[in-house]
Amino acid sequence: MINNEYKGHPKFYQILEELKELYNRKNAQYASSENPLGNFERASRMIEKLLNPEIKNKRLAYALILASKQIDGVIDILAENKKNTVDELRDKLIDIAIYSVLAIILDEDYIED
């Protein structure tokens, strides 16, 4: 179905609708109506120390930042007793395990400049 109101490829707008729906579901999972960006505020407080310019192994710090996002999600699911979330608790725990293994590799393979 082509909508003459929009210019460009029609699939572009179909994908935007999909993104809107996913954003809506995830926002309901991670944020609150009082603070729709609360998850970013929580995670930023957790990773503030990892942004220290004195940290030499930036790749390890980045892996830990990504893991901290998953940890925040786990804490939020547990604290709010959320069920049927977009990203299930088990998936988040697996993500944390993967980032942990990657962090070990990044630490062991780190060569100081």
N, C-alpha and C. Protein backbone atom coordinates (compact mmCIF):
# COMPACT_ATOMS: atom_id res chain seq x y z
N MET A 1 0.84 -1.17 0.00
CA MET A 1 0.00 0.00 0.00
C MET A 1 0.90 1.24 0.00
N ILE A 2 0.71 2.08 -0.96
CA ILE A 2 1.51 3.30 -1.08
C ILE A 2 0.70 4.47 -0.55
N ASN A 3 1.30 5.21 0.34
CA ASN A 3 0.67 6.38 0.91
C ASN A 3 1.30 7.61 0.25
N ASN A 4 0.54 8.34 -0.48
CA ASN A 4 1.06 9.50 -1.20
C ASN A 4 1.45 10.64 -0.26
N GLU A 5 1.06 10.53 1.01
CA GLU A 5 1.41 11.57 1.98
C GLU A 5 2.91 11.57 2.24
N TYR A 6 3.56 10.39 2.15
CA TYR A 6 4.97 10.27 2.44
C TYR A 6 5.76 10.11 1.15
N LYS A 7 6.94 10.66 1.15
CA LYS A 7 7.84 10.53 0.00
C LYS A 7 8.87 9.46 0.31
N GLY A 8 9.45 8.88 -0.71
CA GLY A 8 10.47 7.87 -0.51
C GLY A 8 9.89 6.47 -0.56
N HIS A 9 10.70 5.53 -0.18
CA HIS A 9 10.32 4.11 -0.27
C HIS A 9 9.28 3.77 0.79
N PRO A 10 8.19 3.09 0.41
CA PRO A 10 7.13 2.76 1.37
C PRO A 10 7.60 1.84 2.50
N LYS A 11 8.58 0.97 2.22
CA LYS A 11 9.08 0.07 3.27
C LYS A 11 9.74 0.85 4.41
N PHE A 12 10.29 2.01 4.07
CA PHE A 12 10.93 2.85 5.08
C PHE A 12 9.93 3.15 6.19
N TYR A 13 8.73 3.49 5.84
CA TYR A 13 7.70 3.85 6.81
C TYR A 13 7.16 2.62 7.53
N GLN A 14 7.17 1.50 6.86
CA GLN A 14 6.78 0.24 7.50
C GLN A 14 7.79 -0.10 8.61
N ILE A 15 9.06 0.07 8.30
CA ILE A 15 10.11 -0.20 9.28
C ILE A 15 10.02 0.79 10.44
N LEU A 16 9.71 2.03 10.15
CA LEU A 16 9.53 3.01 11.23
C LEU A 16 8.40 2.60 12.17
N GLU A 17 7.34 2.04 11.62
CA GLU A 17 6.24 1.54 12.46
C GLU A 17 6.71 0.40 13.35
N GLU A 18 7.52 -0.50 12.79
CA GLU A 18 8.06 -1.61 13.57
C GLU A 18 8.95 -1.08 14.69
N LEU A 19 9.78 -0.09 14.36
CA LEU A 19 10.65 0.51 15.36
C LEU A 19 9.84 1.18 16.46
N LYS A 20 8.78 1.85 16.08
CA LYS A 20 7.92 2.53 17.05
C LYS A 20 7.33 1.52 18.03
N GLU A 21 6.86 0.39 17.50
CA GLU A 21 6.27 -0.64 18.36
C GLU A 21 7.31 -1.25 19.30
N LEU A 22 8.50 -1.54 18.77
CA LEU A 22 9.56 -2.11 19.61
C LEU A 22 9.99 -1.11 20.67
N TYR A 23 10.17 0.14 20.28
CA TYR A 23 10.54 1.19 21.23
C TYR A 23 9.49 1.28 22.34
N ASN A 24 8.23 1.23 21.97
CA ASN A 24 7.15 1.32 22.94
C ASN A 24 7.21 0.16 23.95
N ARG A 25 7.42 -1.07 23.44
CA ARG A 25 7.48 -2.23 24.33
C ARG A 25 8.70 -2.16 25.25
N LYS A 26 9.85 -1.80 24.66
CA LYS A 26 11.07 -1.75 25.47
C LYS A 26 11.02 -0.59 26.46
N ASN A 27 10.46 0.53 26.07
CA ASN A 27 10.37 1.66 26.99
C ASN A 27 9.50 1.29 28.17
N ALA A 28 8.43 0.55 27.92
CA ALA A 28 7.57 0.11 29.02
C ALA A 28 8.34 -0.83 29.94
N GLN A 29 9.31 -1.56 29.39
CA GLN A 29 10.10 -2.49 30.20
C GLN A 29 11.17 -1.77 31.01
N TYR A 30 11.86 -0.82 30.41
CA TYR A 30 13.05 -0.25 31.04
C TYR A 30 12.83 1.09 31.73
N ALA A 31 11.81 1.79 31.35
CA ALA A 31 11.62 3.14 31.88
C ALA A 31 10.30 3.22 32.62
N SER A 32 9.99 4.39 33.09
CA SER A 32 8.71 4.61 33.75
C SER A 32 8.01 5.77 33.07
N SER A 33 6.73 5.89 33.32
CA SER A 33 6.00 6.99 32.69
C SER A 33 6.48 8.33 33.25
N GLU A 34 6.96 8.33 34.50
CA GLU A 34 7.48 9.56 35.08
C GLU A 34 8.82 9.96 34.46
N ASN A 35 9.61 8.96 34.06
CA ASN A 35 10.93 9.23 33.51
C ASN A 35 11.23 8.25 32.38
N PRO A 36 10.83 8.60 31.14
CA PRO A 36 11.02 7.68 30.03
C PRO A 36 12.48 7.40 29.67
N LEU A 37 13.41 8.17 30.21
CA LEU A 37 14.83 7.93 29.96
C LEU A 37 15.55 7.49 31.25
N GLY A 38 14.78 6.99 32.20
CA GLY A 38 15.34 6.59 33.49
C GLY A 38 16.41 5.53 33.38
N ASN A 39 16.25 4.61 32.43
CA ASN A 39 17.25 3.56 32.29
C ASN A 39 18.61 4.14 31.90
N PHE A 40 18.63 5.19 31.09
CA PHE A 40 19.90 5.82 30.71
C PHE A 40 20.53 6.52 31.91
N GLU A 41 19.71 7.13 32.74
CA GLU A 41 20.23 7.79 33.93
C GLU A 41 20.81 6.77 34.90
N ARG A 42 20.11 5.66 35.11
CA ARG A 42 20.62 4.62 36.02
C ARG A 42 21.93 4.05 35.49
N ALA A 43 21.95 3.70 34.21
CA ALA A 43 23.16 3.10 33.63
C ALA A 43 24.31 4.09 33.63
N SER A 44 24.03 5.36 33.39
CA SER A 44 25.12 6.34 33.36
C SER A 44 25.77 6.48 34.73
N ARG A 45 24.98 6.37 35.79
CA ARG A 45 25.56 6.42 37.14
C ARG A 45 26.45 5.19 37.38
N MET A 46 26.03 4.06 36.84
CA MET A 46 26.81 2.83 37.03
C MET A 46 28.13 2.88 36.28
N ILE A 47 28.16 3.52 35.13
CA ILE A 47 29.37 3.47 34.31
C ILE A 47 30.26 4.70 34.44
N GLU A 48 29.87 5.63 35.26
CA GLU A 48 30.63 6.87 35.39
C GLU A 48 32.11 6.60 35.65
N LYS A 49 32.41 5.64 36.52
CA LYS A 49 33.81 5.34 36.84
C LYS A 49 34.55 4.76 35.64
N LEU A 50 33.82 4.06 34.76
CA LEU A 50 34.47 3.46 33.60
C LEU A 50 34.83 4.48 32.53
N LEU A 51 34.29 5.67 32.65
CA LEU A 51 34.59 6.73 31.69
C LEU A 51 35.82 7.54 32.10
N ASN A 52 36.45 7.13 33.17
CA ASN A 52 37.65 7.80 33.66
C ASN A 52 38.73 7.78 32.57
N PRO A 53 39.24 8.95 32.18
CA PRO A 53 40.27 8.98 31.12
C PRO A 53 41.57 8.28 31.50
N GLU A 54 41.76 8.01 32.79
CA GLU A 54 42.97 7.32 33.24
C GLU A 54 42.94 5.83 32.91
N ILE A 55 41.78 5.28 32.60
CA ILE A 55 41.68 3.86 32.26
C ILE A 55 42.41 3.63 30.94
N LYS A 56 43.35 2.73 30.96
CA LYS A 56 44.14 2.48 29.76
C LYS A 56 43.49 1.48 28.83
N ASN A 57 42.88 0.44 29.37
CA ASN A 57 42.27 -0.61 28.55
C ASN A 57 40.84 -0.20 28.21
N LYS A 58 40.72 0.64 27.18
CA LYS A 58 39.41 1.19 26.79
C LYS A 58 38.47 0.10 26.28
N ARG A 59 39.00 -0.92 25.61
CA ARG A 59 38.13 -1.99 25.10
C ARG A 59 37.50 -2.76 26.26
N LEU A 60 38.25 -3.02 27.30
CA LEU A 60 37.71 -3.68 28.48
C LEU A 60 36.65 -2.80 29.14
N ALA A 61 36.95 -1.52 29.27
CA ALA A 61 35.98 -0.60 29.87
C ALA A 61 34.69 -0.59 29.05
N TYR A 62 34.80 -0.60 27.74
CA TYR A 62 33.61 -0.59 26.89
C TYR A 62 32.79 -1.87 27.08
N ALA A 63 33.46 -3.01 27.16
CA ALA A 63 32.75 -4.28 27.40
C ALA A 63 32.01 -4.23 28.74
N LEU A 64 32.63 -3.62 29.74
CA LEU A 64 31.98 -3.50 31.04
C LEU A 64 30.81 -2.52 31.00
N ILE A 65 30.93 -1.49 30.19
CA ILE A 65 29.80 -0.56 30.00
C ILE A 65 28.62 -1.30 29.39
N LEU A 66 28.88 -2.11 28.36
CA LEU A 66 27.80 -2.88 27.75
C LEU A 66 27.20 -3.88 28.74
N ALA A 67 28.05 -4.50 29.54
CA ALA A 67 27.55 -5.43 30.56
C ALA A 67 26.71 -4.69 31.59
N SER A 68 27.12 -3.47 31.94
CA SER A 68 26.38 -2.73 32.96
C SER A 68 24.96 -2.40 32.49
N LYS A 69 24.79 -2.21 31.20
CA LYS A 69 23.44 -1.99 30.66
C LYS A 69 22.57 -3.22 30.89
N GLN A 70 23.15 -4.39 30.70
CA GLN A 70 22.42 -5.63 30.92
C GLN A 70 22.13 -5.83 32.41
N ILE A 71 23.11 -5.50 33.25
CA ILE A 71 22.93 -5.62 34.70
C ILE A 71 21.80 -4.69 35.15
N ASP A 72 21.77 -3.48 34.63
CA ASP A 72 20.68 -2.56 34.95
C ASP A 72 19.33 -3.17 34.57
N GLY A 73 19.28 -3.81 33.40
CA GLY A 73 18.04 -4.45 32.96
C GLY A 73 17.61 -5.57 33.89
N VAL A 74 18.57 -6.37 34.35
CA VAL A 74 18.26 -7.47 35.28
C VAL A 74 17.73 -6.89 36.59
N ILE A 75 18.41 -5.89 37.11
CA ILE A 75 17.98 -5.28 38.37
C ILE A 75 16.57 -4.70 38.22
N ASP A 76 16.31 -4.06 37.10
CA ASP A 76 14.99 -3.48 36.87
C ASP A 76 13.90 -4.55 36.80
N ILE A 77 14.18 -5.63 36.09
CA ILE A 77 13.21 -6.72 36.00
C ILE A 77 12.93 -7.31 37.39
N LEU A 78 14.00 -7.52 38.17
CA LEU A 78 13.83 -8.09 39.50
C LEU A 78 13.14 -7.12 40.46
N ALA A 79 13.57 -5.87 40.44
CA ALA A 79 13.03 -4.89 41.38
C ALA A 79 11.55 -4.61 41.13
N GLU A 80 11.16 -4.64 39.87
CA GLU A 80 9.77 -4.35 39.52
C GLU A 80 8.93 -5.62 39.37
N ASN A 81 9.59 -6.78 39.54
CA ASN A 81 8.91 -8.07 39.37
C ASN A 81 8.19 -8.15 38.02
N LYS A 82 8.91 -7.74 36.98
CA LYS A 82 8.31 -7.69 35.65
C LYS A 82 8.25 -9.07 35.03
N LYS A 83 7.17 -9.34 34.34
CA LYS A 83 6.95 -10.62 33.66
C LYS A 83 6.75 -10.35 32.17
N ASN A 84 7.04 -11.34 31.35
CA ASN A 84 6.83 -11.26 29.90
C ASN A 84 7.45 -10.01 29.30
N THR A 85 8.70 -9.77 29.66
CA THR A 85 9.41 -8.60 29.13
C THR A 85 9.93 -8.89 27.73
N VAL A 86 10.24 -7.82 27.00
CA VAL A 86 10.76 -7.97 25.63
C VAL A 86 12.05 -8.79 25.66
N ASP A 87 12.97 -8.38 26.53
CA ASP A 87 14.20 -9.14 26.76
C ASP A 87 14.01 -9.88 28.07
N GLU A 88 13.95 -11.19 27.99
CA GLU A 88 13.70 -12.00 29.18
C GLU A 88 14.91 -11.98 30.11
N LEU A 89 14.66 -12.24 31.37
CA LEU A 89 15.71 -12.25 32.39
C LEU A 89 16.85 -13.19 32.00
N ARG A 90 16.51 -14.38 31.55
CA ARG A 90 17.54 -15.37 31.17
C ARG A 90 18.42 -14.83 30.04
N ASP A 91 17.81 -14.17 29.05
CA ASP A 91 18.58 -13.60 27.94
C ASP A 91 19.57 -12.55 28.45
N LYS A 92 19.12 -11.74 29.37
CA LYS A 92 19.99 -10.70 29.93
C LYS A 92 21.14 -11.32 30.72
N LEU A 93 20.84 -12.38 31.48
CA LEU A 93 21.89 -13.05 32.23
C LEU A 93 22.90 -13.70 31.29
N ILE A 94 22.44 -14.25 30.20
CA ILE A 94 23.36 -14.82 29.20
C ILE A 94 24.22 -13.71 28.59
N ASP A 95 23.59 -12.57 28.29
CA ASP A 95 24.37 -11.43 27.76
C ASP A 95 25.46 -11.02 28.74
N ILE A 96 25.13 -10.98 30.03
CA ILE A 96 26.13 -10.62 31.04
C ILE A 96 27.26 -11.65 31.05
N ALA A 97 26.92 -12.93 30.94
CA ALA A 97 27.95 -13.98 30.91
C ALA A 97 28.85 -13.82 29.69
N ILE A 98 28.25 -13.51 28.54
CA ILE A 98 29.04 -13.32 27.32
C ILE A 98 29.98 -12.13 27.47
N TYR A 99 29.43 -11.00 27.97
CA TYR A 99 30.29 -9.82 28.17
C TYR A 99 31.39 -10.11 29.19
N SER A 100 31.09 -10.94 30.19
CA SER A 100 32.11 -11.28 31.18
C SER A 100 33.25 -12.07 30.55
N VAL A 101 32.92 -13.05 29.72
CA VAL A 101 33.95 -13.83 29.04
C VAL A 101 34.76 -12.93 28.11
N LEU A 102 34.06 -12.07 27.36
CA LEU A 102 34.76 -11.14 26.48
C LEU A 102 35.66 -10.20 27.28
N ALA A 103 35.21 -9.78 28.46
CA ALA A 103 36.02 -8.90 29.30
C ALA A 103 37.30 -9.62 29.75
N ILE A 104 37.20 -10.90 30.07
CA ILE A 104 38.39 -11.67 30.44
C ILE A 104 39.37 -11.69 29.28
N ILE A 105 38.87 -11.96 28.08
CA ILE A 105 39.73 -11.99 26.89
C ILE A 105 40.37 -10.63 26.66
N LEU A 106 39.57 -9.56 26.74
CA LEU A 106 40.09 -8.21 26.51
C LEU A 106 41.13 -7.84 27.55
N ASP A 107 40.94 -8.30 28.78
CA ASP A 107 41.91 -8.03 29.83
C ASP A 107 43.20 -8.81 29.59
N GLU A 108 43.07 -10.09 29.27
CA GLU A 108 44.25 -10.93 29.06
C GLU A 108 45.02 -10.55 27.80
N ASP A 109 44.32 -10.09 26.78
CA ASP A 109 44.98 -9.72 25.52
C ASP A 109 45.44 -8.26 25.48
N TYR A 110 45.19 -7.53 26.55
CA TYR A 110 45.55 -6.10 26.56
C TYR A 110 47.04 -5.92 26.54
N ILE A 111 47.47 -5.07 25.63
CA ILE A 111 48.89 -4.68 25.56
C ILE A 111 48.93 -3.16 25.73
N GLU A 112 49.61 -2.73 26.76
CA GLU A 112 49.68 -1.29 27.03
C GLU A 112 50.51 -0.61 25.96
N ASP A 113 50.00 0.53 25.51
CA ASP A 113 50.72 1.31 24.48
C ASP A 113 51.98 1.91 25.02
